């Protein structure tokens, strides 16, 4: 058996920009990238066709949104702007440290997070009370290419942990995304039903 944990909303709470389009625009402007007059609209339009279940990295989306208005972001300006715009304060959720510790005592453990922003998940872990070295793998949608509830997201995580997906227990807060592991053959534990503080006992009952 192996255990994966959703990150945002499960292990940590992280402040996000109230208006992501404006936050990205400010960081683009700081890097001398012209921001289109209708940026708010461009940001919300779909610019990249991706297969069902695939993640579109936010820097790629921003670059495509700028290009749709005839603006070129030189070098990696779009990526740097996105990373700077999503620079959150992080709070570790109650029971998170203990839940991860209980799982890691006997099982391979991973973070499995839907996150379109490069570096954000690792940054959040560093700023939390969690020990990043506890995790055997950190799997994000921006790196793997697949978003939960797509089965390929869970399969990628299971592969990184060296188990079939049928032996993966995924802990999360979202019944629409995290519970998707059940369609892939694994086991979902939703914190609305089994809070993190109760997860060590739940895990012990499975052994």
C-alpha atoms as a PDB file:
ATOM      1  CA  UNK A   1       0.000   0.000   0.000  1.00  0.00           C
ATOM      2  CA  UNK A   2       1.031   3.637  -0.519  1.00  0.00           C
ATOM      3  CA  UNK A   3      -0.554   6.938   0.478  1.00  0.00           C
ATOM      4  CA  UNK A   4      -0.883  10.192  -1.429  1.00  0.00           C
ATOM      5  CA  UNK A   5      -2.128  13.466  -0.007  1.00  0.00           C
ATOM      6  CA  UNK A   6      -3.748  16.346  -1.801  1.00  0.00           C
ATOM      7  CA  UNK A   7      -1.936  19.544  -0.859  1.00  0.00           C
ATOM      8  CA  UNK A   8      -4.056  22.695  -1.030  1.00  0.00           C
ATOM      9  CA  UNK A   9      -7.130  22.469   1.152  1.00  0.00           C
ATOM     10  CA  UNK A  10      -5.991  19.186   2.659  1.00  0.00           C
ATOM     11  CA  UNK A  11      -2.497  19.526   4.123  1.00  0.00           C
ATOM     12  CA  UNK A  12      -2.180  23.300   3.858  1.00  0.00           C
ATOM     13  CA  UNK A  13      -4.179  26.447   3.295  1.00  0.00           C
ATOM     14  CA  UNK A  14      -2.505  28.969   0.995  1.00  0.00           C
ATOM     15  CA  UNK A  15      -3.546  32.502   0.175  1.00  0.00           C
ATOM     16  CA  UNK A  16      -4.236  32.978  -3.520  1.00  0.00           C
ATOM     17  CA  UNK A  17      -4.571  36.256  -5.418  1.00  0.00           C
ATOM     18  CA  UNK A  18      -8.124  37.565  -5.187  1.00  0.00           C
ATOM     19  CA  UNK A  19      -7.842  38.547  -8.857  1.00  0.00           C
ATOM     20  CA  UNK A  20      -5.279  36.289 -10.584  1.00  0.00           C
ATOM     21  CA  UNK A  21      -5.490  38.171 -13.877  1.00  0.00           C
ATOM     22  CA  UNK A  22      -4.623  41.459 -12.183  1.00  0.00           C
ATOM     23  CA  UNK A  23      -1.856  39.859 -10.135  1.00  0.00           C
ATOM     24  CA  UNK A  24      -0.250  38.391 -13.246  1.00  0.00           C
ATOM     25  CA  UNK A  25      -0.687  41.680 -15.107  1.00  0.00           C
ATOM     26  CA  UNK A  26       1.155  43.553 -12.354  1.00  0.00           C
ATOM     27  CA  UNK A  27       4.061  41.119 -12.531  1.00  0.00           C
ATOM     28  CA  UNK A  28       4.172  41.301 -16.329  1.00  0.00           C
ATOM     29  CA  UNK A  29       4.273  45.091 -16.135  1.00  0.00           C
ATOM     30  CA  UNK A  30       7.096  44.886 -13.590  1.00  0.00           C
ATOM     31  CA  UNK A  31       9.045  42.934 -16.196  1.00  0.00           C
ATOM     32  CA  UNK A  32       8.357  45.486 -18.944  1.00  0.00           C
ATOM     33  CA  UNK A  33       5.938  43.211 -20.787  1.00  0.00           C
ATOM     34  CA  UNK A  34       3.119  45.276 -22.357  1.00  0.00           C
ATOM     35  CA  UNK A  35      -0.230  44.300 -20.847  1.00  0.00           C
ATOM     36  CA  UNK A  36      -3.121  44.389 -23.348  1.00  0.00           C
ATOM     37  CA  UNK A  37      -5.984  46.778 -22.577  1.00  0.00           C
ATOM     38  CA  UNK A  38      -8.409  43.840 -22.496  1.00  0.00           C
ATOM     39  CA  UNK A  39      -6.104  41.618 -20.454  1.00  0.00           C
ATOM     40  CA  UNK A  40      -8.845  40.530 -18.080  1.00  0.00           C
ATOM     41  CA  UNK A  41     -10.771  39.127 -21.021  1.00  0.00           C
ATOM     42  CA  UNK A  42      -7.708  37.608 -22.683  1.00  0.00           C
ATOM     43  CA  UNK A  43      -6.712  35.882 -19.448  1.00  0.00           C
ATOM     44  CA  UNK A  44     -10.094  34.201 -19.184  1.00  0.00           C
ATOM     45  CA  UNK A  45     -10.241  33.005 -22.770  1.00  0.00           C
ATOM     46  CA  UNK A  46      -9.125  29.532 -23.767  1.00  0.00           C
ATOM     47  CA  UNK A  47      -6.026  29.704 -25.938  1.00  0.00           C
ATOM     48  CA  UNK A  48      -4.555  26.192 -25.837  1.00  0.00           C
ATOM     49  CA  UNK A  49      -6.467  23.086 -26.875  1.00  0.00           C
ATOM     50  CA  UNK A  50      -5.536  20.271 -24.526  1.00  0.00           C
ATOM     51  CA  UNK A  51      -6.864  16.702 -24.226  1.00  0.00           C
ATOM     52  CA  UNK A  52      -9.496  15.997 -21.609  1.00  0.00           C
ATOM     53  CA  UNK A  53      -7.817  15.658 -18.231  1.00  0.00           C
ATOM     54  CA  UNK A  54      -4.608  17.400 -19.295  1.00  0.00           C
ATOM     55  CA  UNK A  55      -3.112  20.329 -17.430  1.00  0.00           C
ATOM     56  CA  UNK A  56      -2.246  23.552 -19.240  1.00  0.00           C
ATOM     57  CA  UNK A  57       0.637  25.180 -17.333  1.00  0.00           C
ATOM     58  CA  UNK A  58      -0.335  28.704 -16.385  1.00  0.00           C
ATOM     59  CA  UNK A  59       2.813  30.274 -17.919  1.00  0.00           C
ATOM     60  CA  UNK A  60       1.915  28.651 -21.257  1.00  0.00           C
ATOM     61  CA  UNK A  61      -1.619  30.007 -20.964  1.00  0.00           C
ATOM     62  CA  UNK A  62      -0.327  33.497 -20.153  1.00  0.00           C
ATOM     63  CA  UNK A  63       2.095  33.437 -23.076  1.00  0.00           C
ATOM     64  CA  UNK A  64      -0.703  32.334 -25.407  1.00  0.00           C
ATOM     65  CA  UNK A  65      -3.059  35.000 -24.047  1.00  0.00           C
ATOM     66  CA  UNK A  66      -0.445  37.680 -24.705  1.00  0.00           C
ATOM     67  CA  UNK A  67       0.263  36.312 -28.187  1.00  0.00           C
ATOM     68  CA  UNK A  68      -3.453  36.436 -28.994  1.00  0.00           C
ATOM     69  CA  UNK A  69      -3.187  40.203 -28.539  1.00  0.00           C
ATOM     70  CA  UNK A  70       0.033  40.505 -30.482  1.00  0.00           C
ATOM     71  CA  UNK A  71       2.317  40.768 -27.446  1.00  0.00           C
ATOM     72  CA  UNK A  72       5.527  38.770 -27.165  1.00  0.00           C
ATOM     73  CA  UNK A  73       6.876  37.975 -23.697  1.00  0.00           C
ATOM     74  CA  UNK A  74      10.643  37.648 -24.112  1.00  0.00           C
ATOM     75  CA  UNK A  75      12.592  34.791 -22.597  1.00  0.00           C
ATOM     76  CA  UNK A  76      10.876  33.315 -19.563  1.00  0.00           C
ATOM     77  CA  UNK A  77       9.131  36.533 -18.533  1.00  0.00           C
ATOM     78  CA  UNK A  78       5.684  34.898 -18.495  1.00  0.00           C
ATOM     79  CA  UNK A  79       6.885  32.091 -16.256  1.00  0.00           C
ATOM     80  CA  UNK A  80       8.621  34.477 -13.857  1.00  0.00           C
ATOM     81  CA  UNK A  81       5.550  36.700 -13.723  1.00  0.00           C
ATOM     82  CA  UNK A  82       3.256  33.774 -12.915  1.00  0.00           C
ATOM     83  CA  UNK A  83       5.568  32.408 -10.214  1.00  0.00           C
ATOM     84  CA  UNK A  84       5.805  35.850  -8.607  1.00  0.00           C
ATOM     85  CA  UNK A  85       2.050  36.435  -8.769  1.00  0.00           C
ATOM     86  CA  UNK A  86       1.363  33.212  -6.869  1.00  0.00           C
ATOM     87  CA  UNK A  87       3.579  33.681  -3.827  1.00  0.00           C
ATOM     88  CA  UNK A  88       1.346  32.688  -0.932  1.00  0.00           C
ATOM     89  CA  UNK A  89       1.435  32.724   2.797  1.00  0.00           C
ATOM     90  CA  UNK A  90       0.903  29.130   3.916  1.00  0.00           C
ATOM     91  CA  UNK A  91      -0.761  27.648   6.991  1.00  0.00           C
ATOM     92  CA  UNK A  92      -0.488  23.986   7.902  1.00  0.00           C
ATOM     93  CA  UNK A  93      -3.865  22.405   8.573  1.00  0.00           C
ATOM     94  CA  UNK A  94      -4.611  20.751  11.907  1.00  0.00           C
ATOM     95  CA  UNK A  95      -3.539  17.123  11.985  1.00  0.00           C
ATOM     96  CA  UNK A  96      -1.531  17.319   8.765  1.00  0.00           C
ATOM     97  CA  UNK A  97       1.885  16.690  10.289  1.00  0.00           C
ATOM     98  CA  UNK A  98       0.611  13.744  12.295  1.00  0.00           C
ATOM     99  CA  UNK A  99      -1.292  12.231   9.380  1.00  0.00           C
ATOM    100  CA  UNK A 100       1.735  12.335   7.090  1.00  0.00           C
ATOM    101  CA  UNK A 101       3.994  10.973   9.829  1.00  0.00           C
ATOM    102  CA  UNK A 102       1.635   8.060  10.493  1.00  0.00           C
ATOM    103  CA  UNK A 103       1.548   7.159   6.818  1.00  0.00           C
ATOM    104  CA  UNK A 104       5.289   7.490   6.281  1.00  0.00           C
ATOM    105  CA  UNK A 105       6.139   5.171   9.174  1.00  0.00           C
ATOM    106  CA  UNK A 106       5.251   2.137   7.062  1.00  0.00           C
ATOM    107  CA  UNK A 107       4.170   3.246   3.589  1.00  0.00           C
ATOM    108  CA  UNK A 108       5.608   5.236   0.677  1.00  0.00           C
ATOM    109  CA  UNK A 109       4.036   8.701   0.778  1.00  0.00           C
ATOM    110  CA  UNK A 110       3.470  11.356  -1.885  1.00  0.00           C
ATOM    111  CA  UNK A 111       1.852  14.708  -2.474  1.00  0.00           C
ATOM    112  CA  UNK A 112      -0.525  14.626  -5.441  1.00  0.00           C
ATOM    113  CA  UNK A 113      -1.707  18.124  -6.282  1.00  0.00           C
ATOM    114  CA  UNK A 114      -3.641  19.845  -9.039  1.00  0.00           C
ATOM    115  CA  UNK A 115      -1.458  22.900  -9.522  1.00  0.00           C
ATOM    116  CA  UNK A 116      -0.878  24.770 -12.788  1.00  0.00           C
ATOM    117  CA  UNK A 117       1.771  27.096 -11.352  1.00  0.00           C
ATOM    118  CA  UNK A 118       5.405  25.912 -11.469  1.00  0.00           C
ATOM    119  CA  UNK A 119       7.192  25.771  -8.100  1.00  0.00           C
ATOM    120  CA  UNK A 120       4.037  26.589  -6.119  1.00  0.00           C
ATOM    121  CA  UNK A 121       3.573  23.173  -4.509  1.00  0.00           C
ATOM    122  CA  UNK A 122       7.224  22.892  -3.465  1.00  0.00           C
ATOM    123  CA  UNK A 123       7.171  26.474  -2.183  1.00  0.00           C
ATOM    124  CA  UNK A 124       4.050  25.718  -0.134  1.00  0.00           C
ATOM    125  CA  UNK A 125       5.662  22.633   1.390  1.00  0.00           C
ATOM    126  CA  UNK A 126       8.789  24.571   2.310  1.00  0.00           C
ATOM    127  CA  UNK A 127       6.691  27.251   4.017  1.00  0.00           C
ATOM    128  CA  UNK A 128       4.553  24.727   5.890  1.00  0.00           C
ATOM    129  CA  UNK A 129       5.314  22.768   9.044  1.00  0.00           C
ATOM    130  CA  UNK A 130       5.594  19.594   6.981  1.00  0.00           C
ATOM    131  CA  UNK A 131       8.974  17.980   6.414  1.00  0.00           C
ATOM    132  CA  UNK A 132       9.431  17.858   2.646  1.00  0.00           C
ATOM    133  CA  UNK A 133      11.934  15.018   3.050  1.00  0.00           C
ATOM    134  CA  UNK A 134       9.117  12.847   4.426  1.00  0.00           C
ATOM    135  CA  UNK A 135       7.595  12.579   0.961  1.00  0.00           C
ATOM    136  CA  UNK A 136       8.903   9.974  -1.447  1.00  0.00           C
ATOM    137  CA  UNK A 137       7.381  11.868  -4.387  1.00  0.00           C
ATOM    138  CA  UNK A 138       5.813  15.227  -5.151  1.00  0.00           C
ATOM    139  CA  UNK A 139       3.507  14.907  -8.144  1.00  0.00           C
ATOM    140  CA  UNK A 140       1.850  18.023  -9.543  1.00  0.00           C
ATOM    141  CA  UNK A 141      -0.386  18.374 -12.558  1.00  0.00           C
ATOM    142  CA  UNK A 142       1.895  21.019 -14.041  1.00  0.00           C
ATOM    143  CA  UNK A 143       4.776  18.530 -14.004  1.00  0.00           C
ATOM    144  CA  UNK A 144       2.941  15.297 -14.842  1.00  0.00           C
ATOM    145  CA  UNK A 145       0.574  16.825 -17.397  1.00  0.00           C
ATOM    146  CA  UNK A 146      -2.601  15.325 -15.884  1.00  0.00           C
ATOM    147  CA  UNK A 147      -5.155  16.717 -13.454  1.00  0.00           C
ATOM    148  CA  UNK A 148      -7.205  14.804 -10.932  1.00  0.00           C
ATOM    149  CA  UNK A 149      -9.733  13.203 -11.364  1.00  0.00           C
ATOM    150  CA  UNK A 150      -8.142  11.879 -14.553  1.00  0.00           C
ATOM    151  CA  UNK A 151      -6.927   8.349 -13.845  1.00  0.00           C
ATOM    152  CA  UNK A 152      -3.540   9.173 -15.370  1.00  0.00           C
ATOM    153  CA  UNK A 153      -2.833  11.578 -12.515  1.00  0.00           C
ATOM    154  CA  UNK A 154      -3.298   8.803  -9.962  1.00  0.00           C
ATOM    155  CA  UNK A 155      -1.466   6.270 -12.110  1.00  0.00           C
ATOM    156  CA  UNK A 156       1.519   8.607 -12.381  1.00  0.00           C
ATOM    157  CA  UNK A 157       1.614   9.004  -8.612  1.00  0.00           C
ATOM    158  CA  UNK A 158       1.301   5.279  -7.983  1.00  0.00           C
ATOM    159  CA  UNK A 159       4.093   4.596 -10.455  1.00  0.00           C
ATOM    160  CA  UNK A 160       6.342   7.106  -8.682  1.00  0.00           C
ATOM    161  CA  UNK A 161       5.675   5.264  -5.420  1.00  0.00           C
ATOM    162  CA  UNK A 162       6.268   1.836  -6.947  1.00  0.00           C
ATOM    163  CA  UNK A 163       2.791   0.401  -6.420  1.00  0.00           C
ATOM    164  CA  UNK A 164      -0.189  -0.372  -8.670  1.00  0.00           C
ATOM    165  CA  UNK A 165      -2.898   2.264  -8.445  1.00  0.00           C
ATOM    166  CA  UNK A 166      -5.165  -0.329  -6.810  1.00  0.00           C
ATOM    167  CA  UNK A 167      -2.874  -0.107  -3.762  1.00  0.00           C
ATOM    168  CA  UNK A 168      -2.903   3.679  -3.566  1.00  0.00           C
ATOM    169  CA  UNK A 169      -4.880   5.459  -0.841  1.00  0.00           C
ATOM    170  CA  UNK A 170      -5.474   9.105  -1.696  1.00  0.00           C
ATOM    171  CA  UNK A 171      -6.410  11.616   1.005  1.00  0.00           C
ATOM    172  CA  UNK A 172      -8.097  14.816  -0.113  1.00  0.00           C
ATOM    173  CA  UNK A 173     -10.826  17.352   0.422  1.00  0.00           C
ATOM    174  CA  UNK A 174     -12.618  17.429  -2.939  1.00  0.00           C
ATOM    175  CA  UNK A 175     -15.223  14.830  -3.826  1.00  0.00           C
ATOM    176  CA  UNK A 176     -15.044  15.821  -7.508  1.00  0.00           C
ATOM    177  CA  UNK A 177     -11.281  15.529  -7.959  1.00  0.00           C
ATOM    178  CA  UNK A 178      -9.722  13.551  -5.117  1.00  0.00           C
ATOM    179  CA  UNK A 179     -12.422  10.889  -5.036  1.00  0.00           C
ATOM    180  CA  UNK A 180     -11.658  10.210  -8.699  1.00  0.00           C
ATOM    181  CA  UNK A 181      -9.078   7.688  -7.574  1.00  0.00           C
ATOM    182  CA  UNK A 182     -11.915   5.239  -7.020  1.00  0.00           C
ATOM    183  CA  UNK A 183     -12.607   5.175 -10.770  1.00  0.00           C
ATOM    184  CA  UNK A 184      -8.926   4.296 -11.229  1.00  0.00           C
ATOM    185  CA  UNK A 185      -9.225   1.394  -8.788  1.00  0.00           C
ATOM    186  CA  UNK A 186      -7.703   3.002  -5.694  1.00  0.00           C
ATOM    187  CA  UNK A 187      -9.131   4.148  -2.366  1.00  0.00           C
ATOM    188  CA  UNK A 188     -10.295   7.670  -1.524  1.00  0.00           C
ATOM    189  CA  UNK A 189     -10.284   9.142   1.976  1.00  0.00           C
ATOM    190  CA  UNK A 190     -12.092  12.488   2.143  1.00  0.00           C
ATOM    191  CA  UNK A 191     -11.249  14.718   5.093  1.00  0.00           C
ATOM    192  CA  UNK A 192     -14.905  15.739   5.343  1.00  0.00           C
ATOM    193  CA  UNK A 193     -15.599  12.154   6.433  1.00  0.00           C
ATOM    194  CA  UNK A 194     -12.256  11.185   7.992  1.00  0.00           C
ATOM    195  CA  UNK A 195     -10.511  14.295   9.352  1.00  0.00           C
ATOM    196  CA  UNK A 196      -6.718  14.331   9.270  1.00  0.00           C
ATOM    197  CA  UNK A 197      -6.669  13.888  13.029  1.00  0.00           C
ATOM    198  CA  UNK A 198      -8.520  10.598  12.632  1.00  0.00           C
ATOM    199  CA  UNK A 199      -6.467   9.361   9.692  1.00  0.00           C
ATOM    200  CA  UNK A 200      -3.746   7.614  11.762  1.00  0.00           C
ATOM    201  CA  UNK A 201      -6.426   5.421  13.363  1.00  0.00           C
ATOM    202  CA  UNK A 202      -8.063   4.814   9.985  1.00  0.00           C
ATOM    203  CA  UNK A 203      -4.730   3.787   8.573  1.00  0.00           C
ATOM    204  CA  UNK A 204      -4.007   1.488  11.471  1.00  0.00           C
ATOM    205  CA  UNK A 205      -7.327  -0.227  10.883  1.00  0.00           C
ATOM    206  CA  UNK A 206      -6.283  -1.002   7.295  1.00  0.00           C
ATOM    207  CA  UNK A 207      -3.081  -2.775   8.289  1.00  0.00           C
END
